[in-house]
Amino acid sequence: MSPEIDEITLQLTEACSFHEGVVNPSFNYYYTENFLIGIFKRSPDNTLSSCRHSHSAYEFIIPLSPITSLIAENSIYIGNPNYIYPVQSGRVHGIKYPQNNVSYIDLIVEKNFFESIMNKMGKEKIEFNTTLPYSDSLHDYIKNFRIEFSGNEPQDEFILKPLRNLICTEIIRSAISDSFDSRNITEGYAPGISLVVKHINSNYDKDINVDELARICGLSKTYFSSTFKKIFGTTPKAYVNTLRIAKAKNLLEFSDLPVKKVAVSCGFRNLNTFFCAFKKSTDMTPTEFKESRKEKII
């Protein structure tokens, strides 16, 4: 049987799920004092709602599938699997556009507790402004925390709390380490896959084909495609398309570019292809989306 949710833990679930006083059923929760792991369950029926908020807790988002519109203050970016996206205490963050069939791990740590661990490690204050590696050690700590929590008799004092401390310590060590090489992320990443992602993110407006991406990381086309899908939960072509649609949404909402120029700016050479891809992703045409966002602004 799981431990009762106390007031502080309930506040952490609110920070995790964007709902005041509600335990969001789209999440699985695992927690102990001052610490909570929320896992958003991947399903076509679970919508990751758009939101923008802030809270005093520290938050660490670990996408398990690409999340196309994470907000950090005034920036919008794609959250890629196997990276950690930190949210500093008090920082505005959220999701720009609703998304279905995505999944992520959300680590929420109460501010004073997390900062006490930083102090014990000789770091009075850390500004979490960059992505962090999702290490094998952290993956194992989180996995074991979930296993112990889900047992018939969770041993909170003797197992969950030490695991909580290890998770927090590992995150802080990642933040202060100078040795992280983004080309060597975690087990399961083929060498060069992260270079492919950087290439896609920088060249989404150009023609991109799987043969070219496979060459970048030195893999055969077949092995590259299967490895990419294993890591990101989607094909290279679908990933590129998701990125292009996310960029198109931003241009349609925040620029005066006509739809045709938006399509070209985001890598769509055929207007019909753009319309079909956009409608499949949003259930709206680009024009309908643009008008709907104007109405929200007004």
Protein backbone atom coordinates (compact mmCIF):
# COMPACT_ATOMS: atom_id res chain seq x y z
CA MET A 1 0.00 0.00 0.00
CA SER A 2 1.33 3.46 -0.96
CA PRO A 3 1.99 6.08 1.75
CA GLU A 4 -0.63 8.77 2.25
CA ILE A 5 -0.21 12.00 0.28
CA ASP A 6 0.53 14.79 2.77
CA GLU A 7 0.13 18.52 2.10
CA ILE A 8 3.67 19.08 0.79
CA THR A 9 3.46 16.05 -1.50
CA LEU A 10 0.10 17.27 -2.82
CA GLN A 11 1.77 20.60 -3.66
CA LEU A 12 4.44 18.68 -5.54
CA THR A 13 1.78 16.81 -7.55
CA GLU A 14 0.27 20.17 -8.46
CA ALA A 15 3.67 21.38 -9.66
CA CYS A 16 3.97 18.20 -11.70
CA SER A 17 0.49 18.07 -13.23
CA PHE A 18 -0.56 21.75 -13.45
CA HIS A 19 -3.81 21.11 -11.53
CA GLU A 20 -4.48 22.73 -8.17
CA GLY A 21 -5.58 20.23 -5.55
CA VAL A 22 -6.04 17.41 -8.08
CA VAL A 23 -4.04 14.23 -8.57
CA ASN A 24 -3.93 14.05 -12.36
CA PRO A 25 -4.94 10.51 -13.49
CA SER A 26 -2.70 10.81 -16.57
CA PHE A 27 0.29 10.50 -14.23
CA ASN A 28 1.66 7.66 -12.16
CA TYR A 29 3.05 9.04 -8.88
CA TYR A 30 5.93 7.77 -6.73
CA TYR A 31 6.95 9.83 -3.72
CA THR A 32 8.51 10.23 -0.34
CA GLU A 33 9.06 13.25 1.91
CA ASN A 34 9.96 16.41 -0.10
CA PHE A 35 10.26 14.43 -3.32
CA LEU A 36 7.99 13.15 -6.09
CA ILE A 37 8.36 11.31 -9.39
CA GLY A 38 5.49 11.76 -11.82
CA ILE A 39 5.37 9.77 -15.05
CA PHE A 40 3.00 11.00 -17.74
CA LYS A 41 1.51 7.90 -19.32
CA ARG A 42 1.84 7.64 -23.09
CA SER A 43 -1.57 7.13 -24.68
CA PRO A 44 -3.59 8.65 -27.54
CA ASP A 45 -6.22 9.38 -24.89
CA ASN A 46 -3.86 11.36 -22.60
CA THR A 47 -3.47 14.97 -23.66
CA LEU A 48 -0.54 16.96 -22.33
CA SER A 49 -2.37 20.28 -21.89
CA SER A 50 -0.96 23.67 -22.76
CA CYS A 51 0.00 25.66 -19.67
CA ARG A 52 2.41 28.21 -18.29
CA HIS A 53 3.15 28.41 -14.58
CA SER A 54 5.84 28.66 -11.90
CA HIS A 55 6.36 27.21 -8.45
CA SER A 56 8.97 27.17 -5.70
CA ALA A 57 9.96 23.52 -6.21
CA TYR A 58 12.84 22.43 -8.43
CA GLU A 59 11.67 20.42 -11.43
CA PHE A 60 13.56 18.11 -13.78
CA ILE A 61 11.78 17.00 -16.95
CA ILE A 62 13.04 13.86 -18.71
CA PRO A 63 11.21 13.25 -22.01
CA LEU A 64 10.63 9.61 -22.93
CA SER A 65 9.35 10.72 -26.34
CA PRO A 66 9.90 14.06 -28.12
CA ILE A 67 7.92 16.96 -26.63
CA THR A 68 7.71 19.66 -29.26
CA SER A 69 6.93 22.83 -27.35
CA LEU A 70 8.47 23.06 -23.89
CA ILE A 71 8.48 26.60 -22.47
CA ALA A 72 11.33 28.04 -20.41
CA GLU A 73 10.65 31.70 -19.62
CA ASN A 74 10.25 33.24 -23.11
CA SER A 75 11.87 30.40 -25.08
CA ILE A 76 10.16 27.49 -26.81
CA TYR A 77 12.13 24.36 -27.62
CA ILE A 78 11.88 20.64 -28.33
CA GLY A 79 12.48 18.24 -25.46
CA ASN A 80 14.45 15.23 -26.71
CA PRO A 81 14.52 11.83 -24.95
CA ASN A 82 17.44 10.94 -22.67
CA TYR A 83 18.17 14.53 -21.74
CA ILE A 84 17.18 16.25 -18.49
CA TYR A 85 15.53 19.67 -18.80
CA PRO A 86 15.88 21.46 -15.44
CA VAL A 87 13.45 24.08 -14.16
CA GLN A 88 14.94 26.44 -11.61
CA SER A 89 12.85 27.26 -8.54
CA GLY A 90 10.47 30.12 -9.39
CA ARG A 91 11.07 29.97 -13.16
CA VAL A 92 8.15 30.23 -15.57
CA HIS A 93 7.78 27.08 -17.66
CA GLY A 94 5.19 24.86 -19.28
CA ILE A 95 3.84 23.50 -22.56
CA LYS A 96 2.97 25.77 -25.48
CA TYR A 97 0.69 23.44 -27.45
CA PRO A 98 -1.40 20.42 -26.35
CA GLN A 99 0.11 17.07 -27.33
CA ASN A 100 -1.07 13.48 -27.37
CA ASN A 101 0.77 10.18 -27.18
CA VAL A 102 3.82 11.61 -25.42
CA SER A 103 5.49 10.47 -22.21
CA TYR A 104 7.98 11.94 -19.76
CA ILE A 105 9.38 11.59 -16.26
CA ASP A 106 8.95 14.60 -13.99
CA LEU A 107 11.14 14.87 -10.89
CA ILE A 108 9.86 17.44 -8.37
CA VAL A 109 11.94 18.36 -5.31
CA GLU A 110 10.90 20.72 -2.53
CA LYS A 111 13.05 23.87 -2.68
CA ASN A 112 14.53 23.99 0.83
CA PHE A 113 15.32 20.28 0.85
CA PHE A 114 17.04 20.37 -2.56
CA GLU A 115 19.07 23.43 -1.63
CA SER A 116 20.12 21.76 1.63
CA ILE A 117 21.64 18.93 -0.45
CA MET A 118 23.42 21.49 -2.64
CA ASN A 119 24.83 23.12 0.49
CA LYS A 120 26.08 19.78 1.82
CA MET A 121 27.86 19.26 -1.53
CA GLY A 122 29.52 22.67 -1.18
CA LYS A 123 27.29 24.36 -3.79
CA GLU A 124 25.21 27.10 -2.23
CA LYS A 125 23.45 27.94 -5.48
CA ILE A 126 23.34 26.39 -8.95
CA GLU A 127 21.67 28.04 -11.91
CA PHE A 128 20.16 25.22 -13.95
CA ASN A 129 20.29 26.86 -17.38
CA THR A 130 21.38 23.97 -19.61
CA THR A 131 20.23 20.45 -20.39
CA LEU A 132 21.83 17.64 -18.41
CA PRO A 133 22.73 14.05 -19.34
CA TYR A 134 20.32 11.34 -18.24
CA SER A 135 22.95 8.98 -16.86
CA ASP A 136 22.66 5.23 -16.46
CA SER A 137 23.02 5.70 -12.70
CA LEU A 138 20.12 8.13 -12.50
CA HIS A 139 18.00 5.82 -14.67
CA ASP A 140 18.70 2.94 -12.25
CA TYR A 141 17.95 5.02 -9.14
CA ILE A 142 14.60 6.13 -10.57
CA LYS A 143 13.74 2.59 -11.65
CA ASN A 144 14.54 1.22 -8.18
CA PHE A 145 12.57 4.00 -6.47
CA ARG A 146 9.50 3.07 -8.53
CA ILE A 147 9.94 -0.63 -7.78
CA GLU A 148 10.28 -0.08 -4.03
CA PHE A 149 7.37 2.36 -3.94
CA SER A 150 5.11 -0.06 -5.79
CA GLY A 151 5.92 -2.94 -3.42
CA ASN A 152 3.40 -4.18 -0.90
CA GLU A 153 5.26 -2.58 2.01
CA PRO A 154 7.22 0.52 0.94
CA GLN A 155 10.14 1.03 3.35
CA ASP A 156 10.10 4.80 3.17
CA GLU A 157 12.73 5.55 5.80
CA PHE A 158 15.22 2.83 4.85
CA ILE A 159 14.90 2.58 1.06
CA LEU A 160 12.92 5.40 -0.56
CA LYS A 161 14.62 8.30 1.21
CA PRO A 162 18.19 7.08 0.49
CA LEU A 163 17.19 6.59 -3.16
CA ARG A 164 15.71 10.09 -3.18
CA ASN A 165 19.01 11.46 -1.88
CA LEU A 166 20.97 9.55 -4.53
CA ILE A 167 18.72 10.90 -7.30
CA CYS A 168 19.14 14.50 -6.13
CA THR A 169 22.89 14.07 -5.69
CA GLU A 170 23.28 12.59 -9.18
CA ILE A 171 21.41 15.53 -10.73
CA ILE A 172 23.58 18.06 -8.89
CA ARG A 173 26.76 16.22 -9.91
CA SER A 174 25.58 16.33 -13.54
CA ALA A 175 25.01 20.07 -13.27
CA ILE A 176 28.48 20.84 -11.91
CA SER A 177 30.38 18.37 -14.12
CA ASP A 178 32.52 19.76 -16.94
CA SER A 179 33.04 16.37 -18.55
CA PHE A 180 29.70 15.91 -20.31
CA ASP A 181 30.07 15.18 -24.02
CA SER A 182 26.71 15.36 -25.79
CA ARG A 183 27.96 12.85 -28.37
CA ASN A 184 28.12 10.14 -25.72
CA ILE A 185 24.85 10.30 -23.88
CA THR A 186 23.60 7.04 -22.36
CA GLU A 187 23.55 3.36 -23.04
CA GLY A 188 21.22 2.78 -25.97
CA TYR A 189 22.47 5.80 -27.89
CA ALA A 190 24.43 4.80 -30.97
CA PRO A 191 27.50 6.99 -31.49
CA GLY A 192 26.55 10.03 -33.54
CA ILE A 193 22.77 9.89 -33.02
CA SER A 194 22.85 13.13 -31.04
CA LEU A 195 24.76 14.72 -33.95
CA VAL A 196 21.88 13.71 -36.20
CA VAL A 197 19.39 15.41 -33.88
CA LYS A 198 21.47 18.59 -33.89
CA HIS A 199 21.62 18.44 -37.68
CA ILE A 200 17.83 18.06 -37.92
CA ASN A 201 17.21 20.89 -35.47
CA SER A 202 19.48 23.20 -37.49
CA ASN A 203 18.35 22.16 -40.97
CA TYR A 204 14.64 21.35 -40.63
CA ASP A 205 13.90 24.01 -43.29
CA LYS A 206 15.98 22.14 -45.87
CA ASP A 207 15.53 18.82 -47.65
CA ILE A 208 16.46 16.01 -45.26
CA ASN A 209 16.57 12.33 -46.15
CA VAL A 210 17.33 9.21 -44.15
CA ASP A 211 20.39 8.34 -46.25
CA GLU A 212 21.98 11.66 -45.33
CA LEU A 213 21.20 11.22 -41.62
CA ALA A 214 22.60 7.69 -41.60
CA ARG A 215 25.85 8.95 -43.14
CA ILE A 216 26.22 11.59 -40.43
CA CYS A 217 26.40 8.98 -37.69
CA GLY A 218 28.20 6.37 -39.77
CA LEU A 219 25.47 3.72 -39.72
CA SER A 220 23.68 1.79 -42.42
CA LYS A 221 20.27 3.17 -43.35
CA THR A 222 18.43 0.19 -41.87
CA TYR A 223 20.35 0.11 -38.58
CA PHE A 224 20.16 3.89 -38.22
CA SER A 225 16.37 3.91 -38.71
CA SER A 226 15.78 1.12 -36.19
CA THR A 227 18.14 2.68 -33.63
CA PHE A 228 16.58 6.12 -34.02
CA LYS A 229 13.08 4.70 -33.49
CA LYS A 230 14.22 2.74 -30.45
CA ILE A 231 15.61 5.90 -28.86
CA PHE A 232 12.96 8.44 -29.81
CA GLY A 233 9.89 6.26 -30.21
CA THR A 234 9.32 7.53 -33.74
CA THR A 235 10.90 7.32 -37.18
CA PRO A 236 13.43 9.91 -38.42
CA LYS A 237 10.88 11.13 -40.99
CA ALA A 238 8.16 11.54 -38.35
CA TYR A 239 10.60 13.34 -36.03
CA VAL A 240 11.50 15.83 -38.78
CA ASN A 241 7.83 16.34 -39.54
CA THR A 242 6.99 16.92 -35.86
CA LEU A 243 9.71 19.56 -35.60
CA ARG A 244 8.54 21.31 -38.77
CA ILE A 245 4.93 21.45 -37.57
CA ALA A 246 6.07 22.86 -34.20
CA LYS A 247 8.06 25.59 -35.96
CA ALA A 248 5.11 26.31 -38.27
CA LYS A 249 2.80 26.81 -35.29
CA ASN A 250 5.14 29.45 -33.87
CA LEU A 251 5.35 31.30 -37.19
CA LEU A 252 1.59 31.18 -37.74
CA GLU A 253 0.96 32.57 -34.27
CA PHE A 254 3.72 35.14 -33.94
CA SER A 255 4.48 36.33 -37.48
CA ASP A 256 2.60 37.93 -40.36
CA LEU A 257 4.03 35.53 -42.93
CA PRO A 258 1.44 34.11 -45.35
CA VAL A 259 0.76 30.40 -45.04
CA LYS A 260 2.74 29.55 -48.18
CA LYS A 261 5.89 31.25 -46.86
CA VAL A 262 5.44 29.56 -43.49
CA ALA A 263 5.37 26.20 -45.27
CA VAL A 264 8.57 26.93 -47.19
CA SER A 265 10.29 28.36 -44.09
CA CYS A 266 9.61 25.09 -42.26
CA GLY A 267 10.87 22.79 -45.00
CA PHE A 268 7.63 21.96 -46.81
CA ARG A 269 8.16 22.32 -50.55
CA ASN A 270 4.58 21.34 -51.41
CA LEU A 271 1.69 23.36 -49.97
CA ASN A 272 -0.72 20.43 -50.10
CA THR A 273 1.73 18.28 -48.16
CA PHE A 274 1.99 21.03 -45.54
CA PHE A 275 -1.80 21.34 -45.24
CA CYS A 276 -2.26 17.57 -44.85
CA ALA A 277 0.56 17.22 -42.28
CA PHE A 278 -0.65 20.23 -40.29
CA LYS A 279 -4.28 19.10 -40.21
CA LYS A 280 -3.27 15.58 -39.20
CA SER A 281 -1.25 17.01 -36.31
CA THR A 282 -3.69 19.68 -35.08
CA ASP A 283 -7.14 18.83 -36.56
CA MET A 284 -7.04 22.32 -38.09
CA THR A 285 -5.77 23.80 -41.33
CA PRO A 286 -2.89 26.30 -40.99
CA THR A 287 -5.35 29.12 -41.73
CA GLU A 288 -7.80 27.92 -39.08
CA PHE A 289 -4.95 27.63 -36.56
CA LYS A 290 -3.74 31.15 -37.32
CA GLU A 291 -7.23 32.57 -36.85
CA SER A 292 -7.76 30.64 -33.62
CA ARG A 293 -4.57 32.03 -32.12
CA LYS A 294 -5.59 35.60 -33.06
CA GLU A 295 -8.83 35.08 -31.18
CA LYS A 296 -6.93 33.96 -28.06
CA ILE A 297 -4.69 37.03 -28.23
CA ILE A 298 -7.69 39.35 -28.56
